[in-house]
Every structure is written in structure tokens, then in C-alpha cells.
Amino acid sequence: MSQLGTLLLVATTTKSYTQAGICAGALAVCNAIGAPWFGSLTDRLGQSRILMFQCVAGTVGLVATVATRYFELHWVATAVVAALTGFVLPQVGQLARARWRPIIVGRKADDRLVGTAFSYEGAADEASFVVGPVLVGAAAAALGTWAPLLAAAVLLGLFGIQFARHPSSRFAPTPVGTSKAPLWTAAFTVLVAAQFFIGNLFGSIQTGTTLLTQLAGHPESSGLFHALLGIGSVSAGIALGRLTKAPNHPKRLLLFATAMWILSLPLLAVDNLTLLAAELVILGFAIAPYMITTFTLGELITHRSRTATAMTLLAGATGLGYATGAALAGRLVDEGGVAPAFKVTLAATTFAFVLAVGAKRLLSRTTHAN
């Protein structure tokens, strides 16, 4: 909601999509930078205090972003405030993932439940990408383009703070001071690259979808079409959580990377909204399982004292990939229409597939060692 809300607010108040894109991009990129930094702090100092600060600061920042447009400040001021807001916004989903294994182990439950928990966590994340655009569109249509960011501020203030104070925070990995456990191993670098390519996919698809809806005369529906990608993704994430067999995660990553590559091929033939809707739903079935497996592998191969840092780094890589994919696709569509944007998507899934093939043995070896 924060990124899309910023884009919509600035675009309607400045009449410039370039300025709007810079402001929304500043929020996204700075969040990708700030998330792992704050994740590292939570590993050292504990989740509750750091999360409480992030939720309060993020709530204030979202309100301040709206205020810059209300008082008609220069758009650069909006970009600066949006950047600072993005830096402090918490990655709640990734910090929740850091709590699951200690909760399950603490209750002496079957360790395979961690995979189930991650699947449902991933499905919830994907659901937010379905609901978020819908809420932004509904709030903007009903109250004005200032409303989505204020709604996001209220949600963060209410539920983010409750998450920070939730009893499960005591199950988060115990703060250990400055940890010397290695993080940037070869296997973890592979997972960061995997999430970067997923971000490329999201950014390029959103760009191509936006252009196609504009060409079809329905620009207001772009958010709804992008949300279709999450429908199949949520369904697949929930289904993955129902599996009871102990998984081979590197093999799963290759399987879902292959499926994602194959299912992205029809994008090159999409030239109308009907085909687009069908393709987005189908492609979504491979995305959540791929991301869930990536985050599960990240949790498995990372020392417990660095879990929050690892999870937020993976999320940050997704954000950077999104910004890169959207920027590259945006430049290409200005020159060649919708098809080049979806070629960026296909390139991202191709790289993800090649990476999964090449890294399967490394990930298997590392997973078994841990």
C-alpha cells in the first residue's frame, strides 16, 4: 500500500509520473537498504524494541508523506520524506519467519512444521499483494488519493505495534550481541540472487500490465490485474503448507523455478486483457512456492543468531529487483510497447531457472551440513 499509494498520490498532485515514480522508487529502494540493517539490529538487541521504533517512525513517515503534498511542498521534499519512511518501515513478514522455528522447537513439535508455517506465512505475504492494490484503489476512489497512505499508517500503527508486543516475540532468536557467524556464504548469495530475479518479475509484470490496461482504455484497473498474480500464488502457498512429506528443498527450488519459467513463456503472446488475466493467475501458481522455498532455505542455512538479518536481506533483494525490473521494463516499453516489458519477465525467470540448476548441488550440500 505504501509504495502504490505514494505513486498515486504524487502522480495526481504533481501531474508527473516521472516525479511519482522517483518518490515511490525512493521509498522502495530505501526500504530494501534499511530492512537488513534493522534486521541485524533485531538479531543483536531483540525484536520488540526495534520493531516498536520502526512501527512508530513508519506511521509518522507515511502521514508526513501525505502532509508534503497537502501543503504543496516541492516534490523533492516528498521524495526525501518517502525515502526516510521506506528506510524505517518494518519487514514484519520476515521477522515473523524468524520466530517460527524457536516456537516449534520450544513446543517440541515435529520440525517439519517449520515448512508448513513458512508456507502459510508466504501465502499471507502473497495475499497482501492481492488485498493491498484493492484497498489503495477503493480508498482513493472513495475518499481521495491521500487516503491510501493514511490507511496504511493506521494499519501499521495498530497492528505493527501489536506484533512488536506480541508474546511470540520472546520466541525470536535470543539477542547475542555482535555475532561472528558467517552470513554471506556462497549458498546464501544464491538465494539473494533468486529473490532479486523474483523482484525483476514483479516489477516488469506491473509495468507491462499498467501499459496494457492503459492501451485498452482501463488504466484504473491496473492494480486489480496485478492482484490476479497473487490469487494463484496464495492458493499454491496454502497447498504447499498441506504437504506432510519431508521436502528436499533444493529439488523443490529447481522444480518451481522450472514451472515459473515455463508458465512465463505465454506472456510473449499476451496482447489483450483477457489473455493477461488468465496468464497472471496461472503464473502465480509457481511464484509463492518458489519464494517460500527460498526463504525456507535461507532459514535453514543461516546461523540462528543471524536469522532476522538473513530474512530481511532476502526481502530487500526482492525490493531492489522490483525497482530494477520496473525501471528496465519502463524504459523498454517507451520504445517498443508491451512485449519488451514481458521479455524482461521471461529473462528474469530464465535466470532464476539457470541459477536453480547450477546451484542445486551447492544448496543440497549446504542444507545437509546444517
Protein backbone atom coordinates (compact mmCIF):
# COMPACT_ATOMS: atom_id res chain seq x y z
CA MET A 1 0.00 0.00 0.00
CA SER A 2 2.79 2.44 0.84
CA GLN A 3 4.60 2.23 -2.48
CA LEU A 4 1.50 2.20 -4.69
CA GLY A 5 -0.16 4.85 -2.51
CA THR A 6 2.88 7.13 -2.86
CA LEU A 7 2.88 6.67 -6.63
CA LEU A 8 -0.81 7.52 -6.88
CA LEU A 9 -0.67 10.50 -4.52
CA VAL A 10 2.30 12.17 -6.20
CA ALA A 11 1.05 11.44 -9.72
CA THR A 12 -2.32 13.10 -9.05
CA THR A 13 -0.93 16.11 -7.20
CA THR A 14 2.04 16.89 -9.46
CA LYS A 15 0.61 15.54 -12.75
CA SER A 16 4.02 13.95 -13.34
CA TYR A 17 4.55 10.19 -13.48
CA THR A 18 8.29 10.73 -13.57
CA GLN A 19 8.21 12.53 -10.21
CA ALA A 20 5.75 9.99 -8.86
CA GLY A 21 7.99 7.12 -9.94
CA ILE A 22 11.02 8.72 -8.29
CA CYS A 23 9.14 9.18 -5.00
CA ALA A 24 7.73 5.64 -4.97
CA GLY A 25 11.08 4.23 -6.07
CA ALA A 26 12.89 6.13 -3.30
CA LEU A 27 10.58 4.51 -0.75
CA ALA A 28 11.12 1.02 -2.20
CA VAL A 29 14.90 1.24 -2.59
CA CYS A 30 15.46 2.75 0.86
CA ASN A 31 13.29 0.03 2.37
CA ALA A 32 15.49 -2.54 0.66
CA ILE A 33 18.52 -0.84 2.25
CA GLY A 34 17.02 -0.26 5.69
CA ALA A 35 15.34 -3.65 6.17
CA PRO A 36 18.53 -5.73 6.56
CA TRP A 37 20.13 -3.04 8.73
CA PHE A 38 17.21 -3.11 11.15
CA GLY A 39 17.11 -6.91 10.83
CA SER A 40 20.70 -7.02 12.02
CA LEU A 41 19.76 -4.80 14.98
CA THR A 42 16.94 -7.17 15.98
CA ASP A 43 19.39 -10.08 15.92
CA ARG A 44 21.61 -8.17 18.36
CA LEU A 45 19.06 -6.35 20.53
CA GLY A 46 15.81 -8.31 20.19
CA GLN A 47 12.71 -7.71 18.06
CA SER A 48 10.35 -5.85 20.37
CA ARG A 49 12.26 -2.60 20.91
CA ILE A 50 13.47 -2.25 17.34
CA LEU A 51 10.07 -3.12 15.87
CA MET A 52 8.31 -0.66 18.17
CA PHE A 53 10.56 2.15 16.93
CA GLN A 54 10.09 1.14 13.28
CA CYS A 55 6.30 0.97 13.56
CA VAL A 56 6.01 4.37 15.23
CA ALA A 57 8.53 6.01 12.88
CA GLY A 58 6.96 4.40 9.83
CA THR A 59 3.48 5.54 10.84
CA VAL A 60 4.71 9.11 11.29
CA GLY A 61 6.58 8.93 7.98
CA LEU A 62 3.52 7.85 6.00
CA VAL A 63 1.48 10.70 7.48
CA ALA A 64 4.33 13.12 6.77
CA THR A 65 4.46 11.99 3.13
CA VAL A 66 0.80 12.93 2.75
CA ALA A 67 1.48 16.24 4.54
CA THR A 68 4.13 17.26 1.98
CA ARG A 69 1.52 17.07 -0.75
CA TYR A 70 -1.23 18.68 1.35
CA PHE A 71 0.98 21.71 1.96
CA GLU A 72 2.13 21.63 -1.69
CA LEU A 73 5.84 21.40 -0.93
CA HIS A 74 8.29 20.77 -3.74
CA TRP A 75 8.12 17.17 -4.95
CA VAL A 76 11.76 16.66 -3.93
CA ALA A 77 10.65 17.12 -0.31
CA THR A 78 8.12 14.35 -0.85
CA ALA A 79 10.84 12.12 -2.29
CA VAL A 80 13.10 12.74 0.73
CA VAL A 81 10.31 12.02 3.23
CA ALA A 82 9.27 8.92 1.28
CA ALA A 83 12.87 7.69 1.27
CA LEU A 84 13.19 8.15 5.04
CA THR A 85 9.84 6.43 5.53
CA GLY A 86 10.88 3.48 3.38
CA PHE A 87 14.10 3.15 5.37
CA VAL A 88 12.27 2.67 8.68
CA LEU A 89 9.26 0.63 7.51
CA PRO A 90 9.48 -2.83 9.15
CA GLN A 91 9.55 -6.12 7.27
CA VAL A 92 7.02 -7.75 9.58
CA GLY A 93 6.61 -10.91 7.50
CA GLN A 94 10.32 -11.67 7.53
CA LEU A 95 10.61 -11.10 11.29
CA ALA A 96 7.63 -13.40 11.82
CA ARG A 97 9.54 -16.09 9.92
CA ALA A 98 12.41 -15.70 12.39
CA ARG A 99 10.02 -16.66 15.21
CA TRP A 100 8.62 -19.88 13.79
CA ARG A 101 11.44 -22.38 14.37
CA PRO A 102 12.02 -21.35 18.02
CA ILE A 103 8.25 -21.58 18.65
CA ILE A 104 8.01 -25.05 17.14
CA VAL A 105 11.20 -26.39 18.71
CA GLY A 106 10.20 -24.86 22.06
CA ARG A 107 6.97 -26.85 21.98
CA LYS A 108 8.86 -30.00 20.96
CA ALA A 109 6.76 -30.29 17.82
CA ASP A 110 7.73 -32.01 14.58
CA ASP A 111 10.41 -29.91 12.89
CA ARG A 112 8.60 -30.37 9.54
CA LEU A 113 6.00 -27.93 10.86
CA VAL A 114 8.52 -25.16 10.16
CA GLY A 115 7.97 -25.74 6.44
CA THR A 116 4.21 -25.67 6.96
CA ALA A 117 4.48 -22.43 8.93
CA PHE A 118 6.63 -20.86 6.22
CA SER A 119 4.10 -21.92 3.58
CA TYR A 120 1.23 -20.21 5.38
CA GLU A 121 3.43 -17.20 6.12
CA GLY A 122 4.27 -16.99 2.42
CA ALA A 123 0.59 -17.29 1.47
CA ALA A 124 -0.23 -14.43 3.85
CA ASP A 125 2.50 -12.32 2.23
CA GLU A 126 1.11 -13.03 -1.22
CA ALA A 127 -2.41 -12.24 -0.01
CA SER A 128 -1.19 -8.79 1.00
CA PHE A 129 -0.18 -8.19 -2.63
CA VAL A 130 -3.74 -9.06 -3.65
CA VAL A 131 -5.53 -7.03 -0.99
CA GLY A 132 -3.14 -4.06 -0.97
CA PRO A 133 -3.82 -2.76 -4.50
CA VAL A 134 -7.55 -3.28 -3.99
CA LEU A 135 -7.50 -1.25 -0.75
CA VAL A 136 -5.48 1.51 -2.40
CA GLY A 137 -7.93 1.73 -5.30
CA ALA A 138 -11.00 1.61 -3.07
CA ALA A 139 -9.71 4.20 -0.59
CA ALA A 140 -8.59 6.55 -3.38
CA ALA A 141 -11.92 6.26 -5.21
CA ALA A 142 -14.00 6.78 -2.08
CA LEU A 143 -12.02 9.46 -0.24
CA GLY A 144 -9.22 10.77 -2.44
CA THR A 145 -5.63 9.88 -3.26
CA TRP A 146 -4.44 10.96 0.19
CA ALA A 147 -6.48 8.19 1.84
CA PRO A 148 -4.42 5.06 0.94
CA LEU A 149 -1.26 6.24 2.71
CA LEU A 150 -3.21 7.33 5.79
CA ALA A 151 -4.96 3.95 5.82
CA ALA A 152 -1.55 2.24 5.60
CA ALA A 153 -0.36 4.41 8.52
CA VAL A 154 -3.33 3.33 10.63
CA LEU A 155 -2.76 -0.35 9.81
CA LEU A 156 0.92 -0.11 10.68
CA GLY A 157 0.26 1.84 13.87
CA LEU A 158 -2.38 -0.59 15.12
CA PHE A 159 -1.17 -3.99 14.01
CA GLY A 160 2.56 -3.39 13.70
CA ILE A 161 2.80 -2.30 17.31
CA GLN A 162 0.69 -5.28 18.39
CA PHE A 163 3.09 -7.57 16.52
CA ALA A 164 6.04 -5.92 18.27
CA ARG A 165 4.39 -6.54 21.64
CA HIS A 166 3.04 -9.99 20.82
CA PRO A 167 4.09 -12.80 23.23
CA SER A 168 5.67 -14.68 20.31
CA SER A 169 8.46 -12.08 20.31
CA ARG A 170 10.01 -13.93 23.23
CA PHE A 171 10.45 -16.93 20.92
CA ALA A 172 12.55 -14.91 18.49
CA PRO A 173 16.22 -15.90 18.48
CA THR A 174 17.90 -14.68 21.66
CA PRO A 175 19.95 -11.49 21.14
CA VAL A 176 23.63 -12.42 21.09
CA GLY A 177 25.42 -9.10 20.76
CA THR A 178 27.65 -8.85 17.70
CA SER A 179 27.54 -12.27 16.06
CA LYS A 180 30.58 -13.65 14.24
CA ALA A 181 28.53 -16.32 12.48
CA PRO A 182 29.06 -16.15 8.69
CA LEU A 183 26.16 -14.84 6.61
CA TRP A 184 27.41 -14.22 3.08
CA THR A 185 28.15 -17.77 2.15
CA ALA A 186 28.00 -18.97 -1.45
CA ALA A 187 24.65 -20.66 -0.79
CA PHE A 188 23.11 -17.56 0.78
CA THR A 189 24.34 -15.41 -2.13
CA VAL A 190 22.48 -17.77 -4.47
CA LEU A 191 19.27 -17.21 -2.50
CA VAL A 192 19.71 -13.42 -2.59
CA ALA A 193 20.08 -13.62 -6.38
CA ALA A 194 16.99 -15.85 -6.56
CA GLN A 195 14.91 -13.22 -4.76
CA PHE A 196 16.37 -10.45 -6.92
CA PHE A 197 15.07 -12.24 -10.02
CA ILE A 198 11.63 -12.62 -8.43
CA GLY A 199 11.66 -8.87 -7.83
CA ASN A 200 12.50 -8.36 -11.52
CA LEU A 201 9.46 -10.44 -12.36
CA PHE A 202 7.14 -8.37 -10.17
CA GLY A 203 8.45 -5.01 -11.44
CA SER A 204 8.36 -5.89 -15.12
CA ILE A 205 4.93 -7.50 -14.95
CA GLN A 206 3.46 -4.49 -13.16
CA THR A 207 4.92 -2.17 -15.81
CA GLY A 208 3.62 -4.28 -18.69
CA THR A 209 0.22 -4.69 -17.05
CA THR A 210 -0.11 -0.95 -16.45
CA LEU A 211 0.65 -0.15 -20.08
CA LEU A 212 -1.71 -2.82 -21.44
CA THR A 213 -4.62 -1.60 -19.29
CA GLN A 214 -3.94 1.97 -20.46
CA LEU A 215 -3.95 0.89 -24.11
CA ALA A 216 -7.22 -0.95 -23.51
CA GLY A 217 -8.78 2.22 -22.05
CA HIS A 218 -8.99 0.92 -18.45
CA PRO A 219 -5.97 2.40 -16.63
CA GLU A 220 -7.82 2.31 -13.30
CA SER A 221 -7.88 -1.49 -13.42
CA SER A 222 -4.10 -1.99 -13.45
CA GLY A 223 -3.96 -2.65 -9.70
CA LEU A 224 -6.71 -5.25 -9.94
CA PHE A 225 -4.92 -7.07 -12.77
CA HIS A 226 -1.66 -7.06 -10.82
CA ALA A 227 -3.56 -8.54 -7.89
CA LEU A 228 -4.55 -11.51 -10.09
CA LEU A 229 -0.94 -12.66 -9.90
CA GLY A 230 -1.44 -13.17 -6.19
CA ILE A 231 -4.57 -15.33 -6.47
CA GLY A 232 -2.78 -18.36 -7.88
CA SER A 233 0.20 -17.62 -5.68
CA VAL A 234 -1.84 -17.63 -2.46
CA SER A 235 -3.61 -20.84 -3.48
CA ALA A 236 -0.32 -22.59 -4.22
CA GLY A 237 1.22 -21.34 -0.97
CA ILE A 238 -1.65 -22.76 1.08
CA ALA A 239 -1.49 -26.05 -0.83
CA LEU A 240 2.24 -26.29 -0.15
CA GLY A 241 1.52 -25.96 3.55
CA ARG A 242 -0.73 -29.03 3.39
CA LEU A 243 2.08 -31.32 2.26
CA THR A 244 3.29 -33.58 5.04
CA LYS A 245 6.23 -35.33 3.38
CA ALA A 246 9.66 -34.03 4.46
CA PRO A 247 10.79 -31.93 1.48
CA ASN A 248 14.05 -31.79 -0.44
CA HIS A 249 14.23 -28.01 -0.63
CA PRO A 250 16.94 -27.62 -3.32
CA LYS A 251 14.99 -30.04 -5.53
CA ARG A 252 11.80 -28.09 -4.85
CA LEU A 253 13.52 -24.83 -5.78
CA LEU A 254 14.53 -26.30 -9.14
CA LEU A 255 11.03 -27.69 -9.70
CA PHE A 256 9.30 -24.37 -9.02
CA ALA A 257 11.91 -22.38 -10.96
CA THR A 258 11.26 -24.65 -13.95
CA ALA A 259 7.50 -24.22 -13.59
CA MET A 260 7.87 -20.45 -13.28
CA TRP A 261 9.97 -20.30 -16.46
CA ILE A 262 7.56 -22.46 -18.47
CA LEU A 263 4.49 -20.57 -17.23
CA SER A 264 6.04 -17.20 -18.11
CA LEU A 265 6.53 -18.14 -21.80
CA PRO A 266 2.89 -17.37 -22.79
CA LEU A 267 3.41 -13.74 -21.70
CA LEU A 268 5.08 -13.10 -25.04
CA ALA A 269 1.77 -13.81 -26.79
CA VAL A 270 -0.40 -11.65 -24.49
CA ASP A 271 -1.96 -8.73 -26.36
CA ASN A 272 -5.33 -8.21 -24.61
CA LEU A 273 -6.73 -8.07 -21.10
CA THR A 274 -8.49 -11.45 -21.26
CA LEU A 275 -5.28 -13.30 -22.05
CA LEU A 276 -3.44 -11.20 -19.49
CA ALA A 277 -5.87 -12.11 -16.70
CA ALA A 278 -5.61 -15.84 -17.44
CA GLU A 279 -1.82 -15.78 -17.70
CA LEU A 280 -1.34 -13.84 -14.44
CA VAL A 281 -3.46 -16.29 -12.45
CA ILE A 282 -1.67 -19.31 -13.94
CA LEU A 283 1.83 -17.87 -13.48
CA GLY A 284 1.03 -17.09 -9.86
CA PHE A 285 0.83 -20.80 -9.03
CA ALA A 286 4.61 -21.09 -9.33
CA ILE A 287 5.63 -17.88 -7.58
CA ALA A 288 4.66 -18.44 -3.94
CA PRO A 289 6.14 -21.97 -3.77
CA TYR A 290 9.39 -20.63 -5.26
CA MET A 291 9.59 -17.79 -2.73
CA ILE A 292 8.55 -19.98 0.20
CA THR A 293 11.28 -22.48 -0.68
CA THR A 294 13.87 -19.71 -0.99
CA PHE A 295 13.05 -18.27 2.44
CA THR A 296 12.95 -21.75 3.98
CA LEU A 297 16.41 -22.48 2.60
CA GLY A 298 17.59 -19.12 3.91
CA GLU A 299 16.39 -20.02 7.39
CA LEU A 300 17.94 -23.49 7.21
CA ILE A 301 21.43 -22.47 6.10
CA THR A 302 21.76 -19.38 8.31
CA HIS A 303 23.02 -19.48 11.89
CA ARG A 304 20.19 -18.82 14.33
CA SER A 305 21.86 -15.62 15.54
CA ARG A 306 21.60 -14.11 12.04
CA THR A 307 18.09 -15.26 11.06
CA ALA A 308 16.38 -11.85 11.07
CA THR A 309 19.26 -10.32 9.10
CA ALA A 310 19.04 -13.11 6.53
CA MET A 311 15.25 -12.88 6.14
CA THR A 312 15.28 -9.10 5.71
CA LEU A 313 18.19 -9.27 3.25
CA LEU A 314 16.19 -11.67 1.10
CA ALA A 315 13.23 -9.30 1.26
CA GLY A 316 15.50 -6.37 0.44
CA ALA A 317 16.84 -8.20 -2.61
CA THR A 318 13.24 -8.62 -3.79
CA GLY A 319 12.66 -4.88 -3.44
CA LEU A 320 15.82 -4.00 -5.36
CA GLY A 321 14.86 -6.49 -8.04
CA TYR A 322 11.42 -4.92 -8.27
CA ALA A 323 12.86 -1.43 -8.75
CA THR A 324 15.36 -2.68 -11.36
CA GLY A 325 12.76 -4.70 -13.26
CA ALA A 326 10.26 -1.84 -13.28
CA ALA A 327 12.89 0.68 -14.43
CA LEU A 328 14.21 -1.54 -17.22
CA ALA A 329 10.74 -2.52 -18.40
CA GLY A 330 9.60 1.11 -18.24
CA ARG A 331 12.46 2.22 -20.46
CA LEU A 332 11.77 -0.55 -22.96
CA VAL A 333 8.01 -0.01 -23.20
CA ASP A 334 8.59 3.63 -24.09
CA GLU A 335 10.40 2.36 -27.17
CA GLY A 336 8.53 -0.81 -28.10
CA GLY A 337 5.20 -1.29 -26.32
CA VAL A 338 4.05 -4.10 -24.04
CA ALA A 339 6.10 -7.02 -25.42
CA PRO A 340 9.52 -5.76 -24.24
CA ALA A 341 8.26 -5.49 -20.66
CA PHE A 342 7.22 -9.13 -20.65
CA LYS A 343 10.55 -10.07 -22.24
CA VAL A 344 12.16 -8.71 -19.09
CA THR A 345 9.86 -11.03 -17.10
CA LEU A 346 10.91 -14.00 -19.22
CA ALA A 347 14.57 -13.07 -18.83
CA ALA A 348 14.13 -12.97 -15.04
CA THR A 349 12.52 -16.43 -14.92
CA THR A 350 15.21 -17.78 -17.25
CA PHE A 351 17.95 -16.53 -14.94
CA ALA A 352 16.10 -17.99 -11.95
CA PHE A 353 15.89 -21.36 -13.70
CA VAL A 354 19.57 -21.38 -14.67
CA LEU A 355 20.52 -20.37 -11.12
CA ALA A 356 18.44 -23.20 -9.61
CA VAL A 357 20.04 -25.73 -11.95
CA GLY A 358 23.58 -24.54 -11.28
CA ALA A 359 23.18 -24.20 -7.51
CA LYS A 360 21.24 -27.40 -6.76
CA ARG A 361 24.29 -29.37 -5.65
CA LEU A 362 25.66 -26.46 -3.57
CA LEU A 363 22.33 -25.93 -1.81
CA SER A 364 21.94 -29.67 -1.17
CA ARG A 365 25.42 -29.89 0.33
CA THR A 366 24.91 -26.81 2.49
CA THR A 367 21.46 -27.91 3.69
CA HIS A 368 22.73 -31.34 4.72
CA ALA A 369 25.70 -29.77 6.50
CA ASN A 370 23.30 -27.71 8.63
